[in-house]
Amino acid sequence: MDKPVTYLSHYPPTHDNCWSDVKLTTNWPTFLQDNFKLPETVDEAVDRLMMVLDDQQKIALATLQEDDLINLHFSLGMAIRNAFGLHQVDSKLLASCNTAIHPDDVSGLIIKALWEQLTGAGNRL
């Protein structure tokens, strides 16, 4: 059964503790065992993150301003780079973005795409 919807007004705009290594990896090992194939596109990576992140993490991300997404570089960004194999030479996810782009940049693209999906920002004109 799904958890009840939590309203954004119940959370302050910063949730640094929800991005801790322990919190981030709580759901990941089982999920990754069940879905061993690494994502090959940004869309696939976002879909995986939507399944892995808990409601608190999704709300924390959705409440950030776009300019503040860079603050996730050493937390969520690092977890993405490591879990999705962005430092591997043959990373299909990295190649799908641009062969000259750095893994740090790709994790930033994934975070931004995830944020856009959570906020609906990608659908605005």
N, C-alpha and C. Protein backbone atom coordinates (compact mmCIF):
# COMPACT_ATOMS: atom_id res chain seq x y z
N MET A 1 0.84 -1.18 0.00
CA MET A 1 0.00 0.00 0.00
C MET A 1 0.89 1.24 0.00
N ASP A 2 0.55 2.22 -0.83
CA ASP A 2 1.32 3.46 -0.91
C ASP A 2 1.13 4.28 0.35
N LYS A 3 2.16 5.06 0.65
CA LYS A 3 2.10 5.97 1.79
C LYS A 3 1.19 7.14 1.43
N PRO A 4 0.54 7.76 2.42
CA PRO A 4 -0.29 8.92 2.12
C PRO A 4 0.57 10.07 1.60
N VAL A 5 -0.04 10.93 0.83
CA VAL A 5 0.66 12.08 0.27
C VAL A 5 1.06 13.02 1.39
N THR A 6 2.29 13.48 1.36
CA THR A 6 2.79 14.43 2.34
C THR A 6 2.86 15.78 1.66
N TYR A 7 2.31 16.78 2.27
CA TYR A 7 2.28 18.10 1.67
C TYR A 7 3.62 18.81 1.85
N LEU A 8 4.05 19.51 0.80
CA LEU A 8 5.34 20.18 0.82
C LEU A 8 5.45 21.21 1.93
N SER A 9 4.36 21.78 2.35
CA SER A 9 4.41 22.81 3.39
C SER A 9 4.87 22.25 4.73
N HIS A 10 4.86 20.92 4.89
CA HIS A 10 5.29 20.31 6.13
C HIS A 10 6.80 20.21 6.24
N TYR A 11 7.51 20.52 5.16
CA TYR A 11 8.95 20.37 5.14
C TYR A 11 9.64 21.70 4.88
N PRO A 12 10.69 21.98 5.64
CA PRO A 12 11.48 23.17 5.32
C PRO A 12 12.25 22.92 4.03
N PRO A 13 12.75 23.96 3.37
CA PRO A 13 13.38 23.79 2.07
C PRO A 13 14.69 23.00 2.08
N THR A 14 15.34 22.80 3.23
CA THR A 14 16.57 22.02 3.23
C THR A 14 16.35 20.72 3.99
N HIS A 15 16.88 19.66 3.44
CA HIS A 15 16.76 18.33 4.02
C HIS A 15 18.09 17.59 3.89
N ASP A 16 19.15 18.20 4.36
CA ASP A 16 20.48 17.63 4.17
C ASP A 16 20.59 16.21 4.71
N ASN A 17 19.92 15.91 5.82
CA ASN A 17 20.05 14.58 6.42
C ASN A 17 19.44 13.48 5.56
N CYS A 18 18.52 13.80 4.67
CA CYS A 18 17.92 12.74 3.85
C CYS A 18 18.84 12.30 2.73
N TRP A 19 19.94 13.01 2.51
CA TRP A 19 20.87 12.63 1.45
C TRP A 19 22.10 11.91 2.01
N SER A 20 22.05 11.50 3.28
CA SER A 20 23.20 10.81 3.86
C SER A 20 23.42 9.49 3.14
N ASP A 21 24.65 8.99 3.21
CA ASP A 21 24.99 7.74 2.55
C ASP A 21 24.12 6.59 3.02
N VAL A 22 23.85 6.55 4.32
CA VAL A 22 23.03 5.47 4.87
C VAL A 22 21.62 5.55 4.32
N LYS A 23 21.04 6.73 4.34
CA LYS A 23 19.66 6.91 3.87
C LYS A 23 19.55 6.62 2.37
N LEU A 24 20.52 7.07 1.60
CA LEU A 24 20.48 6.87 0.15
C LEU A 24 20.57 5.41 -0.23
N THR A 25 21.35 4.66 0.49
CA THR A 25 21.60 3.28 0.09
C THR A 25 20.65 2.28 0.74
N THR A 26 19.73 2.73 1.57
CA THR A 26 18.82 1.81 2.23
C THR A 26 18.03 0.98 1.23
N ASN A 27 17.47 1.61 0.21
CA ASN A 27 16.63 0.92 -0.77
C ASN A 27 17.41 0.40 -1.97
N TRP A 28 18.61 0.86 -2.17
CA TRP A 28 19.33 0.59 -3.41
C TRP A 28 19.82 -0.85 -3.58
N PRO A 29 20.42 -1.51 -2.56
CA PRO A 29 20.99 -2.85 -2.83
C PRO A 29 19.97 -3.85 -3.36
N THR A 30 18.82 -3.95 -2.75
CA THR A 30 17.81 -4.90 -3.22
C THR A 30 17.35 -4.54 -4.61
N PHE A 31 17.10 -3.27 -4.83
CA PHE A 31 16.64 -2.82 -6.13
C PHE A 31 17.67 -3.14 -7.21
N LEU A 32 18.93 -2.85 -6.92
CA LEU A 32 19.97 -3.07 -7.92
C LEU A 32 20.16 -4.56 -8.21
N GLN A 33 19.96 -5.41 -7.20
CA GLN A 33 20.04 -6.85 -7.44
C GLN A 33 18.93 -7.29 -8.38
N ASP A 34 17.76 -6.72 -8.21
CA ASP A 34 16.62 -7.08 -9.04
C ASP A 34 16.68 -6.46 -10.43
N ASN A 35 17.42 -5.39 -10.57
CA ASN A 35 17.52 -4.66 -11.84
C ASN A 35 18.99 -4.41 -12.16
N PHE A 36 19.73 -5.49 -12.37
CA PHE A 36 21.18 -5.40 -12.49
C PHE A 36 21.63 -4.60 -13.70
N LYS A 37 20.88 -4.61 -14.78
CA LYS A 37 21.28 -3.87 -15.98
C LYS A 37 21.33 -2.38 -15.67
N LEU A 38 22.45 -1.76 -15.95
CA LEU A 38 22.61 -0.33 -15.69
C LEU A 38 21.75 0.47 -16.67
N PRO A 39 21.24 1.61 -16.22
CA PRO A 39 20.47 2.45 -17.14
C PRO A 39 21.37 2.94 -18.28
N GLU A 40 20.77 3.06 -19.46
CA GLU A 40 21.54 3.46 -20.64
C GLU A 40 21.19 4.86 -21.12
N THR A 41 20.16 5.46 -20.57
CA THR A 41 19.77 6.82 -20.95
C THR A 41 19.42 7.60 -19.68
N VAL A 42 19.36 8.91 -19.80
CA VAL A 42 18.96 9.74 -18.67
C VAL A 42 17.54 9.38 -18.24
N ASP A 43 16.64 9.14 -19.20
CA ASP A 43 15.26 8.77 -18.85
C ASP A 43 15.22 7.48 -18.03
N GLU A 44 16.01 6.48 -18.43
CA GLU A 44 16.06 5.23 -17.67
C GLU A 44 16.61 5.47 -16.27
N ALA A 45 17.62 6.31 -16.15
CA ALA A 45 18.20 6.62 -14.84
C ALA A 45 17.16 7.30 -13.95
N VAL A 46 16.40 8.23 -14.51
CA VAL A 46 15.36 8.92 -13.74
C VAL A 46 14.29 7.92 -13.30
N ASP A 47 13.90 7.03 -14.19
CA ASP A 47 12.90 6.01 -13.83
C ASP A 47 13.39 5.16 -12.66
N ARG A 48 14.66 4.77 -12.69
CA ARG A 48 15.22 3.98 -11.59
C ARG A 48 15.20 4.77 -10.29
N LEU A 49 15.60 6.03 -10.36
CA LEU A 49 15.63 6.85 -9.15
C LEU A 49 14.23 7.04 -8.58
N MET A 50 13.24 7.18 -9.44
CA MET A 50 11.86 7.31 -8.97
C MET A 50 11.42 6.07 -8.19
N MET A 51 11.96 4.92 -8.54
CA MET A 51 11.62 3.68 -7.83
C MET A 51 12.43 3.52 -6.55
N VAL A 52 13.64 4.05 -6.53
CA VAL A 52 14.55 3.82 -5.42
C VAL A 52 14.42 4.86 -4.30
N LEU A 53 14.26 6.11 -4.67
CA LEU A 53 14.20 7.16 -3.65
C LEU A 53 12.88 7.07 -2.88
N ASP A 54 12.96 7.35 -1.58
CA ASP A 54 11.74 7.32 -0.79
C ASP A 54 11.02 8.67 -0.88
N ASP A 55 9.84 8.74 -0.32
CA ASP A 55 9.03 9.96 -0.42
C ASP A 55 9.73 11.18 0.16
N GLN A 56 10.42 11.02 1.29
CA GLN A 56 11.11 12.15 1.91
C GLN A 56 12.18 12.71 0.97
N GLN A 57 12.91 11.82 0.31
CA GLN A 57 13.96 12.27 -0.61
C GLN A 57 13.36 12.96 -1.83
N LYS A 58 12.26 12.44 -2.34
CA LYS A 58 11.60 13.08 -3.49
C LYS A 58 11.08 14.46 -3.12
N ILE A 59 10.49 14.59 -1.95
CA ILE A 59 9.98 15.89 -1.50
C ILE A 59 11.13 16.87 -1.29
N ALA A 60 12.22 16.38 -0.69
CA ALA A 60 13.38 17.24 -0.46
C ALA A 60 13.92 17.77 -1.78
N LEU A 61 14.00 16.92 -2.78
CA LEU A 61 14.49 17.34 -4.09
C LEU A 61 13.51 18.32 -4.75
N ALA A 62 12.24 18.02 -4.67
CA ALA A 62 11.23 18.86 -5.31
C ALA A 62 11.16 20.26 -4.69
N THR A 63 11.53 20.39 -3.42
CA THR A 63 11.44 21.70 -2.78
C THR A 63 12.66 22.58 -3.04
N LEU A 64 13.70 22.00 -3.65
CA LEU A 64 14.89 22.79 -3.96
C LEU A 64 14.62 23.71 -5.16
N GLN A 65 15.31 24.82 -5.18
CA GLN A 65 15.32 25.69 -6.34
C GLN A 65 16.31 25.10 -7.34
N GLU A 66 16.09 25.32 -8.61
CA GLU A 66 16.97 24.76 -9.64
C GLU A 66 18.44 25.13 -9.39
N ASP A 67 18.71 26.36 -8.98
CA ASP A 67 20.09 26.80 -8.73
C ASP A 67 20.74 26.05 -7.57
N ASP A 68 19.95 25.42 -6.71
CA ASP A 68 20.49 24.70 -5.55
C ASP A 68 20.77 23.23 -5.82
N LEU A 69 20.43 22.74 -7.01
CA LEU A 69 20.66 21.33 -7.33
C LEU A 69 22.14 20.97 -7.28
N ILE A 70 23.02 21.92 -7.55
CA ILE A 70 24.46 21.68 -7.51
C ILE A 70 24.90 21.23 -6.12
N ASN A 71 24.15 21.60 -5.09
CA ASN A 71 24.50 21.21 -3.72
C ASN A 71 24.38 19.70 -3.49
N LEU A 72 23.79 18.98 -4.43
CA LEU A 72 23.65 17.52 -4.32
C LEU A 72 24.81 16.78 -4.98
N HIS A 73 25.80 17.51 -5.48
CA HIS A 73 26.91 16.92 -6.23
C HIS A 73 27.64 15.82 -5.44
N PHE A 74 27.92 16.07 -4.16
CA PHE A 74 28.70 15.11 -3.36
C PHE A 74 27.83 14.13 -2.59
N SER A 75 26.53 14.18 -2.75
CA SER A 75 25.65 13.24 -2.06
C SER A 75 24.89 12.42 -3.10
N LEU A 76 23.76 12.89 -3.54
CA LEU A 76 22.98 12.18 -4.55
C LEU A 76 23.78 12.01 -5.84
N GLY A 77 24.49 13.05 -6.23
CA GLY A 77 25.30 12.98 -7.46
C GLY A 77 26.34 11.87 -7.40
N MET A 78 27.04 11.77 -6.27
CA MET A 78 28.05 10.73 -6.12
C MET A 78 27.40 9.33 -6.12
N ALA A 79 26.26 9.21 -5.46
CA ALA A 79 25.56 7.93 -5.43
C ALA A 79 25.15 7.52 -6.84
N ILE A 80 24.69 8.47 -7.63
CA ILE A 80 24.31 8.20 -9.03
C ILE A 80 25.52 7.77 -9.84
N ARG A 81 26.62 8.52 -9.71
CA ARG A 81 27.83 8.19 -10.49
C ARG A 81 28.32 6.78 -10.16
N ASN A 82 28.29 6.43 -8.88
CA ASN A 82 28.78 5.11 -8.47
C ASN A 82 27.80 4.00 -8.84
N ALA A 83 26.53 4.18 -8.53
CA ALA A 83 25.54 3.12 -8.76
C ALA A 83 25.29 2.86 -10.25
N PHE A 84 25.37 3.90 -11.07
CA PHE A 84 25.06 3.75 -12.48
C PHE A 84 26.30 3.61 -13.36
N GLY A 85 27.47 3.42 -12.75
CA GLY A 85 28.69 3.11 -13.49
C GLY A 85 29.16 4.22 -14.42
N LEU A 86 28.99 5.46 -14.01
CA LEU A 86 29.36 6.56 -14.91
C LEU A 86 30.87 6.72 -15.09
N HIS A 87 31.67 6.12 -14.21
CA HIS A 87 33.12 6.20 -14.37
C HIS A 87 33.67 5.02 -15.18
N GLN A 88 32.80 4.11 -15.59
CA GLN A 88 33.25 3.00 -16.43
C GLN A 88 33.49 3.49 -17.86
N VAL A 89 34.56 3.04 -18.45
CA VAL A 89 34.94 3.47 -19.80
C VAL A 89 33.84 3.16 -20.81
N ASP A 90 33.16 2.04 -20.64
CA ASP A 90 32.14 1.63 -21.60
C ASP A 90 30.71 1.99 -21.16
N SER A 91 30.56 3.01 -20.33
CA SER A 91 29.24 3.40 -19.82
C SER A 91 28.33 3.86 -20.97
N LYS A 92 27.26 3.11 -21.20
CA LYS A 92 26.29 3.49 -22.23
C LYS A 92 25.53 4.74 -21.82
N LEU A 93 25.31 4.91 -20.52
CA LEU A 93 24.63 6.11 -20.03
C LEU A 93 25.47 7.35 -20.33
N LEU A 94 26.75 7.27 -20.04
CA LEU A 94 27.65 8.39 -20.32
C LEU A 94 27.69 8.67 -21.82
N ALA A 95 27.81 7.62 -22.63
CA ALA A 95 27.87 7.78 -24.08
C ALA A 95 26.59 8.35 -24.66
N SER A 96 25.44 8.04 -24.03
CA SER A 96 24.17 8.53 -24.56
C SER A 96 24.03 10.05 -24.39
N CYS A 97 24.81 10.61 -23.49
CA CYS A 97 24.75 12.06 -23.27
C CYS A 97 25.69 12.80 -24.21
N ASN A 98 26.89 12.28 -24.34
CA ASN A 98 27.90 12.88 -25.21
C ASN A 98 29.22 12.27 -24.78
N THR A 99 29.98 11.73 -25.70
CA THR A 99 31.22 11.05 -25.33
C THR A 99 32.24 11.98 -24.67
N ALA A 100 32.13 13.28 -24.89
CA ALA A 100 33.09 14.21 -24.31
C ALA A 100 32.64 14.76 -22.96
N ILE A 101 31.46 14.38 -22.49
CA ILE A 101 30.95 14.92 -21.23
C ILE A 101 31.51 14.13 -20.04
N HIS A 102 31.71 14.77 -18.93
CA HIS A 102 32.30 14.17 -17.73
C HIS A 102 31.20 13.51 -16.88
N PRO A 103 31.52 12.42 -16.17
CA PRO A 103 30.53 11.77 -15.31
C PRO A 103 29.86 12.72 -14.31
N ASP A 104 30.60 13.71 -13.82
CA ASP A 104 30.01 14.69 -12.90
C ASP A 104 28.88 15.46 -13.59
N ASP A 105 29.10 15.81 -14.85
CA ASP A 105 28.09 16.56 -15.61
C ASP A 105 26.86 15.70 -15.87
N VAL A 106 27.07 14.41 -16.15
CA VAL A 106 25.95 13.51 -16.42
C VAL A 106 25.10 13.32 -15.17
N SER A 107 25.75 13.17 -14.01
CA SER A 107 24.96 13.03 -12.78
C SER A 107 24.15 14.31 -12.54
N GLY A 108 24.71 15.46 -12.90
CA GLY A 108 23.97 16.72 -12.79
C GLY A 108 22.78 16.76 -13.73
N LEU A 109 22.96 16.25 -14.95
CA LEU A 109 21.85 16.18 -15.91
C LEU A 109 20.74 15.27 -15.38
N ILE A 110 21.12 14.15 -14.77
CA ILE A 110 20.15 13.20 -14.23
C ILE A 110 19.39 13.84 -13.07
N ILE A 111 20.11 14.51 -12.18
CA ILE A 111 19.46 15.17 -11.05
C ILE A 111 18.48 16.23 -11.55
N LYS A 112 18.90 17.02 -12.54
CA LYS A 112 18.01 18.05 -13.07
C LYS A 112 16.78 17.43 -13.72
N ALA A 113 16.96 16.35 -14.48
CA ALA A 113 15.82 15.68 -15.13
C ALA A 113 14.88 15.09 -14.08
N LEU A 114 15.44 14.54 -13.01
CA LEU A 114 14.62 14.01 -11.92
C LEU A 114 13.85 15.15 -11.25
N TRP A 115 14.52 16.25 -10.98
CA TRP A 115 13.88 17.43 -10.37
C TRP A 115 12.75 17.95 -11.27
N GLU A 116 13.00 18.00 -12.57
CA GLU A 116 11.97 18.46 -13.51
C GLU A 116 10.76 17.54 -13.50
N GLN A 117 11.00 16.24 -13.40
CA GLN A 117 9.87 15.31 -13.34
C GLN A 117 9.08 15.49 -12.05
N LEU A 118 9.77 15.68 -10.94
CA LEU A 118 9.11 15.84 -9.66
C LEU A 118 8.34 17.15 -9.55
N THR A 119 8.85 18.19 -10.18
CA THR A 119 8.24 19.53 -10.06
C THR A 119 7.36 19.89 -11.25
N GLY A 120 7.48 19.15 -12.33
CA GLY A 120 6.77 19.50 -13.54
C GLY A 120 7.45 20.64 -14.29
N ALA A 121 8.65 21.00 -13.88
CA ALA A 121 9.37 22.14 -14.48
C ALA A 121 9.69 21.90 -15.95
N GLY A 122 9.89 20.66 -16.35
CA GLY A 122 10.22 20.36 -17.73
C GLY A 122 9.05 20.55 -18.67
N ASN A 123 7.84 20.67 -18.12
CA ASN A 123 6.63 20.82 -18.94
C ASN A 123 6.17 22.26 -19.08
N ARG A 124 6.90 23.16 -18.44
CA ARG A 124 6.50 24.58 -18.48
C ARG A 124 6.98 25.23 -19.77
N LEU A 125 6.20 26.17 -20.26
CA LEU A 125 6.58 26.90 -21.48
C LEU A 125 7.37 28.13 -21.12
